[in-house]
Amino acid sequence: MQDMSIKNWLHNDRISLGVILGLFVPIPAGILFALILRLIQNNLFVLNGVRDADMLLLGMSLNLIIMRFYLVKLKFEKTGKALLVVTVFMIVLFFIFLKNSDYVLPF
């Protein structure tokens, strides 16, 4: 029963839904990508030039896939536009604060 309410909640055309998805999808995805990167670097000794901060940027790119789903498939313009605004804002912040940093996730 609870799955249906979440499914119904995700199928709404609201700005707040786009902002929530735009903020909370990239963070776990970036951490997951950084974990995979760390495993590859430690076990296969390749990709040593890739930084953890770059994986956060890759996590932000998932918003573009979600945005395309909401704009093209579901035709939900408010949700898609909110995702776009949040994604652009996060990418600008990344390039201002993390582009040249040696930020390392603590794991």
N, C-alpha and C. Protein backbone atom coordinates (compact mmCIF):
# COMPACT_ATOMS: atom_id res chain seq x y z
N MET A 1 0.81 -1.20 0.00
CA MET A 1 0.00 0.00 0.00
C MET A 1 0.86 1.27 0.00
N GLN A 2 1.96 1.20 0.73
CA GLN A 2 2.82 2.37 0.80
C GLN A 2 3.53 2.62 -0.53
N ASP A 3 3.84 1.57 -1.29
CA ASP A 3 4.48 1.74 -2.59
C ASP A 3 3.59 2.53 -3.55
N MET A 4 2.32 2.31 -3.47
CA MET A 4 1.41 3.04 -4.36
C MET A 4 1.40 4.52 -4.04
N SER A 5 1.51 4.88 -2.76
CA SER A 5 1.50 6.30 -2.43
C SER A 5 2.79 6.97 -2.90
N ILE A 6 3.92 6.27 -2.81
CA ILE A 6 5.18 6.83 -3.30
C ILE A 6 5.13 6.95 -4.82
N LYS A 7 4.58 5.93 -5.49
CA LYS A 7 4.46 5.98 -6.94
C LYS A 7 3.56 7.14 -7.37
N ASN A 8 2.46 7.32 -6.68
CA ASN A 8 1.56 8.44 -6.99
C ASN A 8 2.24 9.78 -6.71
N TRP A 9 3.02 9.84 -5.64
CA TRP A 9 3.71 11.08 -5.29
C TRP A 9 4.75 11.43 -6.35
N LEU A 10 5.43 10.42 -6.91
CA LEU A 10 6.44 10.67 -7.94
C LEU A 10 5.83 11.01 -9.30
N HIS A 11 4.55 10.77 -9.46
CA HIS A 11 3.88 11.08 -10.74
C HIS A 11 3.04 12.35 -10.62
N ASN A 12 3.63 13.38 -10.03
CA ASN A 12 3.00 14.69 -9.92
C ASN A 12 3.85 15.72 -10.64
N ASP A 13 3.21 16.74 -11.15
CA ASP A 13 3.91 17.83 -11.81
C ASP A 13 4.00 19.00 -10.84
N ARG A 14 5.01 18.93 -9.96
CA ARG A 14 5.18 19.97 -8.95
C ARG A 14 6.63 20.43 -8.90
N ILE A 15 6.82 21.68 -8.64
CA ILE A 15 8.17 22.24 -8.51
C ILE A 15 8.88 21.63 -7.31
N SER A 16 8.17 21.44 -6.22
CA SER A 16 8.80 20.88 -5.02
C SER A 16 9.33 19.47 -5.27
N LEU A 17 8.65 18.68 -6.06
CA LEU A 17 9.12 17.34 -6.39
C LEU A 17 10.44 17.41 -7.17
N GLY A 18 10.52 18.32 -8.12
CA GLY A 18 11.75 18.50 -8.89
C GLY A 18 12.92 18.94 -8.03
N VAL A 19 12.66 19.83 -7.08
CA VAL A 19 13.72 20.30 -6.18
C VAL A 19 14.19 19.16 -5.28
N ILE A 20 13.25 18.41 -4.72
CA ILE A 20 13.61 17.30 -3.83
C ILE A 20 14.41 16.24 -4.59
N LEU A 21 13.95 15.86 -5.77
CA LEU A 21 14.69 14.87 -6.56
C LEU A 21 16.05 15.42 -6.97
N GLY A 22 16.09 16.67 -7.34
CA GLY A 22 17.34 17.28 -7.78
C GLY A 22 18.39 17.38 -6.69
N LEU A 23 17.96 17.49 -5.45
CA LEU A 23 18.91 17.58 -4.35
C LEU A 23 19.30 16.23 -3.79
N PHE A 24 18.37 15.29 -3.75
CA PHE A 24 18.64 14.05 -3.03
C PHE A 24 19.04 12.87 -3.89
N VAL A 25 18.98 12.94 -5.19
CA VAL A 25 19.44 11.84 -6.05
C VAL A 25 20.96 11.90 -6.25
N PRO A 26 21.57 13.05 -6.52
CA PRO A 26 23.00 13.07 -6.83
C PRO A 26 23.92 12.70 -5.66
N ILE A 27 23.51 12.99 -4.45
CA ILE A 27 24.41 12.75 -3.31
C ILE A 27 24.67 11.26 -3.11
N PRO A 28 23.63 10.41 -2.97
CA PRO A 28 23.92 8.97 -2.84
C PRO A 28 24.58 8.39 -4.09
N ALA A 29 24.20 8.89 -5.26
CA ALA A 29 24.81 8.39 -6.49
C ALA A 29 26.30 8.76 -6.55
N GLY A 30 26.64 9.98 -6.17
CA GLY A 30 28.04 10.39 -6.15
C GLY A 30 28.86 9.59 -5.16
N ILE A 31 28.28 9.30 -4.00
CA ILE A 31 28.98 8.49 -3.01
C ILE A 31 29.16 7.06 -3.52
N LEU A 32 28.14 6.52 -4.17
CA LEU A 32 28.25 5.18 -4.74
C LEU A 32 29.32 5.13 -5.83
N PHE A 33 29.34 6.13 -6.72
CA PHE A 33 30.36 6.19 -7.76
C PHE A 33 31.76 6.34 -7.15
N ALA A 34 31.88 7.11 -6.07
CA ALA A 34 33.18 7.27 -5.41
C ALA A 34 33.64 5.96 -4.77
N LEU A 35 32.71 5.21 -4.20
CA LEU A 35 33.05 3.90 -3.63
C LEU A 35 33.54 2.95 -4.72
N ILE A 36 32.84 2.92 -5.83
CA ILE A 36 33.26 2.06 -6.94
C ILE A 36 34.62 2.50 -7.46
N LEU A 37 34.82 3.81 -7.58
CA LEU A 37 36.11 4.32 -8.02
C LEU A 37 37.22 3.90 -7.07
N ARG A 38 36.97 4.03 -5.77
CA ARG A 38 37.97 3.66 -4.78
C ARG A 38 38.32 2.18 -4.86
N LEU A 39 37.32 1.33 -5.06
CA LEU A 39 37.58 -0.11 -5.21
C LEU A 39 38.42 -0.39 -6.46
N ILE A 40 38.11 0.28 -7.55
CA ILE A 40 38.87 0.08 -8.79
C ILE A 40 40.31 0.58 -8.61
N GLN A 41 40.47 1.73 -7.98
CA GLN A 41 41.81 2.28 -7.79
C GLN A 41 42.66 1.39 -6.89
N ASN A 42 42.07 0.85 -5.83
CA ASN A 42 42.84 0.05 -4.88
C ASN A 42 43.12 -1.36 -5.37
N ASN A 43 42.22 -1.93 -6.16
CA ASN A 43 42.38 -3.32 -6.56
C ASN A 43 42.99 -3.50 -7.94
N LEU A 44 42.66 -2.61 -8.86
CA LEU A 44 43.16 -2.75 -10.23
C LEU A 44 44.28 -1.78 -10.56
N PHE A 45 44.54 -0.82 -9.68
CA PHE A 45 45.61 0.16 -9.84
C PHE A 45 45.49 0.95 -11.15
N VAL A 46 44.27 1.30 -11.51
CA VAL A 46 44.01 2.14 -12.67
C VAL A 46 43.13 3.31 -12.22
N LEU A 47 42.96 4.27 -13.07
CA LEU A 47 42.15 5.47 -12.83
C LEU A 47 42.64 6.27 -11.62
N ASN A 48 43.95 6.32 -11.43
CA ASN A 48 44.49 7.03 -10.28
C ASN A 48 44.38 8.54 -10.41
N GLY A 49 44.18 9.06 -11.60
CA GLY A 49 44.05 10.49 -11.80
C GLY A 49 42.65 11.03 -11.56
N VAL A 50 41.68 10.14 -11.35
CA VAL A 50 40.30 10.57 -11.13
C VAL A 50 40.10 10.86 -9.65
N ARG A 51 39.48 12.00 -9.36
CA ARG A 51 39.28 12.42 -7.97
C ARG A 51 37.87 12.10 -7.49
N ASP A 52 37.70 12.07 -6.18
CA ASP A 52 36.38 11.84 -5.60
C ASP A 52 35.42 12.96 -5.95
N ALA A 53 35.92 14.17 -6.05
CA ALA A 53 35.07 15.31 -6.41
C ALA A 53 34.48 15.13 -7.81
N ASP A 54 35.24 14.49 -8.70
CA ASP A 54 34.73 14.24 -10.05
C ASP A 54 33.55 13.27 -10.02
N MET A 55 33.56 12.37 -9.07
CA MET A 55 32.46 11.41 -8.94
C MET A 55 31.18 12.10 -8.46
N LEU A 56 31.33 13.17 -7.69
CA LEU A 56 30.16 13.95 -7.29
C LEU A 56 29.54 14.62 -8.51
N LEU A 57 30.37 15.09 -9.42
CA LEU A 57 29.88 15.68 -10.66
C LEU A 57 29.16 14.63 -11.51
N LEU A 58 29.70 13.43 -11.53
CA LEU A 58 29.05 12.34 -12.25
C LEU A 58 27.70 12.00 -11.62
N GLY A 59 27.61 12.07 -10.31
CA GLY A 59 26.34 11.85 -9.63
C GLY A 59 25.31 12.91 -9.99
N MET A 60 25.77 14.14 -10.20
CA MET A 60 24.86 15.21 -10.60
C MET A 60 24.31 14.98 -12.00
N SER A 61 25.05 14.27 -12.82
CA SER A 61 24.58 14.02 -14.18
C SER A 61 23.37 13.09 -14.21
N LEU A 62 23.14 12.34 -13.15
CA LEU A 62 21.94 11.51 -13.10
C LEU A 62 20.67 12.36 -13.12
N ASN A 63 20.77 13.58 -12.64
CA ASN A 63 19.61 14.48 -12.69
C ASN A 63 19.16 14.72 -14.13
N LEU A 64 20.09 14.69 -15.06
CA LEU A 64 19.73 14.91 -16.46
C LEU A 64 18.89 13.76 -17.01
N ILE A 65 19.18 12.55 -16.57
CA ILE A 65 18.39 11.39 -16.99
C ILE A 65 16.99 11.48 -16.40
N ILE A 66 16.91 11.83 -15.13
CA ILE A 66 15.61 11.97 -14.48
C ILE A 66 14.83 13.12 -15.10
N MET A 67 15.53 14.22 -15.41
CA MET A 67 14.88 15.37 -16.03
C MET A 67 14.30 15.00 -17.39
N ARG A 68 15.04 14.24 -18.17
CA ARG A 68 14.54 13.81 -19.48
C ARG A 68 13.30 12.94 -19.32
N PHE A 69 13.30 12.07 -18.33
CA PHE A 69 12.14 11.22 -18.08
C PHE A 69 10.90 12.06 -17.77
N TYR A 70 11.06 13.05 -16.91
CA TYR A 70 9.92 13.88 -16.54
C TYR A 70 9.48 14.81 -17.67
N LEU A 71 10.42 15.33 -18.45
CA LEU A 71 10.04 16.25 -19.51
C LEU A 71 9.51 15.55 -20.76
N VAL A 72 10.19 14.49 -21.19
CA VAL A 72 9.85 13.85 -22.47
C VAL A 72 8.77 12.80 -22.30
N LYS A 73 8.97 11.89 -21.36
CA LYS A 73 8.03 10.77 -21.24
C LYS A 73 6.74 11.17 -20.53
N LEU A 74 6.85 11.82 -19.37
CA LEU A 74 5.66 12.15 -18.59
C LEU A 74 5.06 13.51 -18.95
N LYS A 75 5.82 14.36 -19.64
CA LYS A 75 5.38 15.71 -20.02
C LYS A 75 5.06 16.58 -18.79
N PHE A 76 5.86 16.43 -17.73
CA PHE A 76 5.69 17.22 -16.51
C PHE A 76 6.71 18.36 -16.55
N GLU A 77 6.27 19.52 -17.02
CA GLU A 77 7.19 20.63 -17.22
C GLU A 77 7.67 21.26 -15.91
N LYS A 78 6.81 21.41 -14.93
CA LYS A 78 7.23 22.03 -13.67
C LYS A 78 8.31 21.21 -12.98
N THR A 79 8.11 19.91 -12.90
CA THR A 79 9.10 19.04 -12.27
C THR A 79 10.40 19.04 -13.05
N GLY A 80 10.33 18.95 -14.36
CA GLY A 80 11.53 18.95 -15.20
C GLY A 80 12.30 20.25 -15.12
N LYS A 81 11.60 21.37 -15.13
CA LYS A 81 12.27 22.66 -15.04
C LYS A 81 12.92 22.86 -13.68
N ALA A 82 12.27 22.40 -12.61
CA ALA A 82 12.87 22.50 -11.28
C ALA A 82 14.13 21.64 -11.19
N LEU A 83 14.09 20.46 -11.79
CA LEU A 83 15.29 19.61 -11.85
C LEU A 83 16.41 20.31 -12.61
N LEU A 84 16.08 20.95 -13.70
CA LEU A 84 17.07 21.67 -14.49
C LEU A 84 17.72 22.79 -13.69
N VAL A 85 16.92 23.58 -13.00
CA VAL A 85 17.44 24.70 -12.22
C VAL A 85 18.34 24.20 -11.10
N VAL A 86 17.91 23.17 -10.38
CA VAL A 86 18.71 22.63 -9.29
C VAL A 86 20.02 22.04 -9.82
N THR A 87 19.95 21.34 -10.93
CA THR A 87 21.15 20.73 -11.51
C THR A 87 22.15 21.79 -11.95
N VAL A 88 21.69 22.81 -12.63
CA VAL A 88 22.59 23.89 -13.07
C VAL A 88 23.20 24.59 -11.87
N PHE A 89 22.40 24.84 -10.84
CA PHE A 89 22.91 25.49 -9.62
C PHE A 89 23.98 24.63 -8.96
N MET A 90 23.75 23.32 -8.86
CA MET A 90 24.72 22.43 -8.24
C MET A 90 26.01 22.34 -9.06
N ILE A 91 25.89 22.33 -10.37
CA ILE A 91 27.08 22.26 -11.22
C ILE A 91 27.89 23.55 -11.12
N VAL A 92 27.22 24.69 -11.07
CA VAL A 92 27.93 25.97 -10.89
C VAL A 92 28.66 25.98 -9.55
N LEU A 93 27.99 25.51 -8.49
CA LEU A 93 28.65 25.44 -7.18
C LEU A 93 29.85 24.49 -7.21
N PHE A 94 29.71 23.38 -7.93
CA PHE A 94 30.84 22.46 -8.06
C PHE A 94 32.04 23.15 -8.68
N PHE A 95 31.82 23.87 -9.78
CA PHE A 95 32.94 24.49 -10.46
C PHE A 95 33.51 25.67 -9.67
N ILE A 96 32.72 26.28 -8.82
CA ILE A 96 33.24 27.36 -7.98
C ILE A 96 34.07 26.81 -6.84
N PHE A 97 33.59 25.75 -6.17
CA PHE A 97 34.22 25.29 -4.94
C PHE A 97 35.08 24.03 -5.07
N LEU A 98 34.74 23.10 -5.95
CA LEU A 98 35.42 21.81 -5.94
C LEU A 98 36.25 21.50 -7.18
N LYS A 99 36.24 22.36 -8.17
CA LYS A 99 36.92 22.03 -9.43
C LYS A 99 38.40 21.74 -9.24
N ASN A 100 39.10 22.56 -8.52
CA ASN A 100 40.54 22.39 -8.34
C ASN A 100 40.91 21.91 -6.95
N SER A 101 39.97 21.39 -6.21
CA SER A 101 40.28 20.94 -4.86
C SER A 101 40.65 19.46 -4.86
N ASP A 102 41.29 19.05 -3.81
CA ASP A 102 41.64 17.65 -3.62
C ASP A 102 40.71 17.04 -2.58
N TYR A 103 39.44 17.31 -2.70
CA TYR A 103 38.44 16.80 -1.77
C TYR A 103 38.43 15.28 -1.81
N VAL A 104 38.51 14.65 -0.66
CA VAL A 104 38.50 13.19 -0.58
C VAL A 104 37.41 12.79 0.39
N LEU A 105 36.59 11.85 -0.03
CA LEU A 105 35.54 11.34 0.85
C LEU A 105 36.18 10.51 1.96
N PRO A 106 35.65 10.57 3.17
CA PRO A 106 36.32 9.93 4.32
C PRO A 106 36.06 8.43 4.44
N PHE A 107 36.29 7.67 3.40
CA PHE A 107 36.18 6.22 3.50
C PHE A 107 37.26 5.56 2.68
